[in-house]
Structures are given as C-alpha cells and as structure tokens.
C-alpha cells in the first residue's frame, strides 16, 4: 500500500480523478496539498473498497505497465528520482 500511496502523491491528477477529498493549499501548484489529500496506508485499504471498478482497473494497468526500479518508477531511459 505504501507504494500505491507514493505513486498517487507523485501523480496529483490521479488524486483529482479518483475523487479523493482534496485539502486546499493555495501555494501548491495544483491548488491542493497532494500528500495531505491522499489517504494513509490504513485508510487507503478502506478507500479501495469504495472506488468504482474502472478506477481500480486504471490503477492496476498503471502499475502493470510501469517499470519499477529500486522503489521508484522508471522512465524509458532508467530510474527517475522521487
């Protein structure tokens, strides 16, 4: 679950698309605090039970098609630091 949480924090558009309650932050580039908006590991397990199936399929596909390198998602040319 912590990998999923890290992935969601790295991809703020998913936080919006998955309809997580967003914590406003006018200084953030997206207008909300991404890390504060993504549920904790424990809450995420509960949230996953309430998400619509298409959203879960999208997340699953993202994980299956993304390369994972030493705890980081990798670009085509190698690991990308977080």
C-alpha atoms as a PDB file:
ATOM      1  CA  UNK A   1       0.000   0.000   0.000  1.00  0.00           C
ATOM      2  CA  UNK A   2       2.838   2.412   0.662  1.00  0.00           C
ATOM      3  CA  UNK A   3       3.991   2.075  -2.972  1.00  0.00           C
ATOM      4  CA  UNK A   4       0.486   2.910  -4.162  1.00  0.00           C
ATOM      5  CA  UNK A   5       0.362   5.911  -1.847  1.00  0.00           C
ATOM      6  CA  UNK A   6       3.747   7.122  -3.117  1.00  0.00           C
ATOM      7  CA  UNK A   7       2.558   6.697  -6.707  1.00  0.00           C
ATOM      8  CA  UNK A   8      -0.591   8.722  -6.021  1.00  0.00           C
ATOM      9  CA  UNK A   9       1.411  11.501  -4.380  1.00  0.00           C
ATOM     10  CA  UNK A  10       3.691  11.607  -7.416  1.00  0.00           C
ATOM     11  CA  UNK A  11       0.672  11.847  -9.754  1.00  0.00           C
ATOM     12  CA  UNK A  12      -1.701  14.580  -8.456  1.00  0.00           C
ATOM     13  CA  UNK A  13      -4.033  14.207 -11.450  1.00  0.00           C
ATOM     14  CA  UNK A  14      -4.957  10.734 -10.190  1.00  0.00           C
ATOM     15  CA  UNK A  15      -5.839  12.178  -6.787  1.00  0.00           C
ATOM     16  CA  UNK A  16      -8.265  14.502  -8.558  1.00  0.00           C
ATOM     17  CA  UNK A  17      -9.572  11.851 -10.985  1.00  0.00           C
ATOM     18  CA  UNK A  18     -10.179   9.322  -8.198  1.00  0.00           C
ATOM     19  CA  UNK A  19     -12.213  11.936  -6.299  1.00  0.00           C
ATOM     20  CA  UNK A  20     -10.202  11.909  -3.099  1.00  0.00           C
ATOM     21  CA  UNK A  21     -11.173  14.747  -0.779  1.00  0.00           C
ATOM     22  CA  UNK A  22      -8.614  17.436  -1.576  1.00  0.00           C
ATOM     23  CA  UNK A  23      -7.046  19.547   1.168  1.00  0.00           C
ATOM     24  CA  UNK A  24      -6.859  23.118  -0.207  1.00  0.00           C
ATOM     25  CA  UNK A  25      -3.439  24.739  -0.390  1.00  0.00           C
ATOM     26  CA  UNK A  26      -3.285  27.960  -2.423  1.00  0.00           C
ATOM     27  CA  UNK A  27       0.526  27.824  -2.515  1.00  0.00           C
ATOM     28  CA  UNK A  28       0.629  24.351  -4.121  1.00  0.00           C
ATOM     29  CA  UNK A  29       0.917  24.155  -7.911  1.00  0.00           C
ATOM     30  CA  UNK A  30      -2.320  22.167  -8.195  1.00  0.00           C
ATOM     31  CA  UNK A  31      -4.272  24.161  -5.632  1.00  0.00           C
ATOM     32  CA  UNK A  32      -4.352  21.344  -3.090  1.00  0.00           C
ATOM     33  CA  UNK A  33      -1.880  19.586  -0.794  1.00  0.00           C
ATOM     34  CA  UNK A  34      -1.333  16.271  -2.551  1.00  0.00           C
ATOM     35  CA  UNK A  35       0.260  14.343   0.339  1.00  0.00           C
ATOM     36  CA  UNK A  36      -2.422  15.538   2.776  1.00  0.00           C
ATOM     37  CA  UNK A  37      -5.156  14.599   0.283  1.00  0.00           C
ATOM     38  CA  UNK A  38      -4.007  11.004  -0.262  1.00  0.00           C
ATOM     39  CA  UNK A  39      -5.227   8.684   2.489  1.00  0.00           C
ATOM     40  CA  UNK A  40      -2.776   6.974   4.843  1.00  0.00           C
ATOM     41  CA  UNK A  41      -1.884   3.330   4.152  1.00  0.00           C
ATOM     42  CA  UNK A  42      -4.585   2.145   6.528  1.00  0.00           C
ATOM     43  CA  UNK A  43      -7.254   4.462   5.133  1.00  0.00           C
ATOM     44  CA  UNK A  44      -6.233   3.578   1.585  1.00  0.00           C
ATOM     45  CA  UNK A  45      -7.205  -0.049   2.132  1.00  0.00           C
ATOM     46  CA  UNK A  46     -10.682   1.104   3.150  1.00  0.00           C
ATOM     47  CA  UNK A  47     -10.914   3.609   0.295  1.00  0.00           C
ATOM     48  CA  UNK A  48     -10.014   0.959  -2.289  1.00  0.00           C
ATOM     49  CA  UNK A  49     -13.174  -0.919  -1.324  1.00  0.00           C
ATOM     50  CA  UNK A  50     -15.312   2.099  -2.229  1.00  0.00           C
ATOM     51  CA  UNK A  51     -13.707   3.057  -5.564  1.00  0.00           C
ATOM     52  CA  UNK A  52     -15.568   2.229  -8.770  1.00  0.00           C
ATOM     53  CA  UNK A  53     -14.198  -0.724 -10.731  1.00  0.00           C
ATOM     54  CA  UNK A  54     -12.999   1.373 -13.726  1.00  0.00           C
ATOM     55  CA  UNK A  55     -10.818   3.439 -11.387  1.00  0.00           C
ATOM     56  CA  UNK A  56      -9.302   0.297  -9.874  1.00  0.00           C
ATOM     57  CA  UNK A  57      -8.658  -1.164 -13.327  1.00  0.00           C
ATOM     58  CA  UNK A  58      -6.876   2.057 -14.315  1.00  0.00           C
ATOM     59  CA  UNK A  59      -4.618   1.856 -11.255  1.00  0.00           C
ATOM     60  CA  UNK A  60      -3.883  -1.808 -11.885  1.00  0.00           C
ATOM     61  CA  UNK A  61      -2.981  -1.140 -15.509  1.00  0.00           C
ATOM     62  CA  UNK A  62      -0.725   1.749 -14.465  1.00  0.00           C
ATOM     63  CA  UNK A  63       1.195  -0.489 -12.085  1.00  0.00           C
ATOM     64  CA  UNK A  64       1.444  -3.366 -14.555  1.00  0.00           C
ATOM     65  CA  UNK A  65       2.750  -1.222 -17.411  1.00  0.00           C
ATOM     66  CA  UNK A  66       5.094   0.963 -15.341  1.00  0.00           C
ATOM     67  CA  UNK A  67       8.600  -0.273 -14.703  1.00  0.00           C
ATOM     68  CA  UNK A  68       9.627  -0.219 -11.075  1.00  0.00           C
ATOM     69  CA  UNK A  69      13.278   0.314 -10.179  1.00  0.00           C
ATOM     70  CA  UNK A  70      14.632   0.225  -6.627  1.00  0.00           C
ATOM     71  CA  UNK A  71      11.471   1.642  -5.102  1.00  0.00           C
ATOM     72  CA  UNK A  72      10.996   4.239  -7.846  1.00  0.00           C
ATOM     73  CA  UNK A  73       9.049   4.315 -11.057  1.00  0.00           C
ATOM     74  CA  UNK A  74      11.407   4.362 -14.001  1.00  0.00           C
ATOM     75  CA  UNK A  75      11.433   6.328 -17.213  1.00  0.00           C
ATOM     76  CA  UNK A  76      12.326   4.719 -20.531  1.00  0.00           C
ATOM     77  CA  UNK A  77      15.992   5.597 -20.025  1.00  0.00           C
ATOM     78  CA  UNK A  78      16.315   4.452 -16.407  1.00  0.00           C
ATOM     79  CA  UNK A  79      15.308   5.273 -12.859  1.00  0.00           C
ATOM     80  CA  UNK A  80      13.774   8.621 -12.054  1.00  0.00           C
ATOM     81  CA  UNK A  81      14.467  10.012  -8.578  1.00  0.00           C
ATOM     82  CA  UNK A  82      11.440  10.888  -6.475  1.00  0.00           C
END
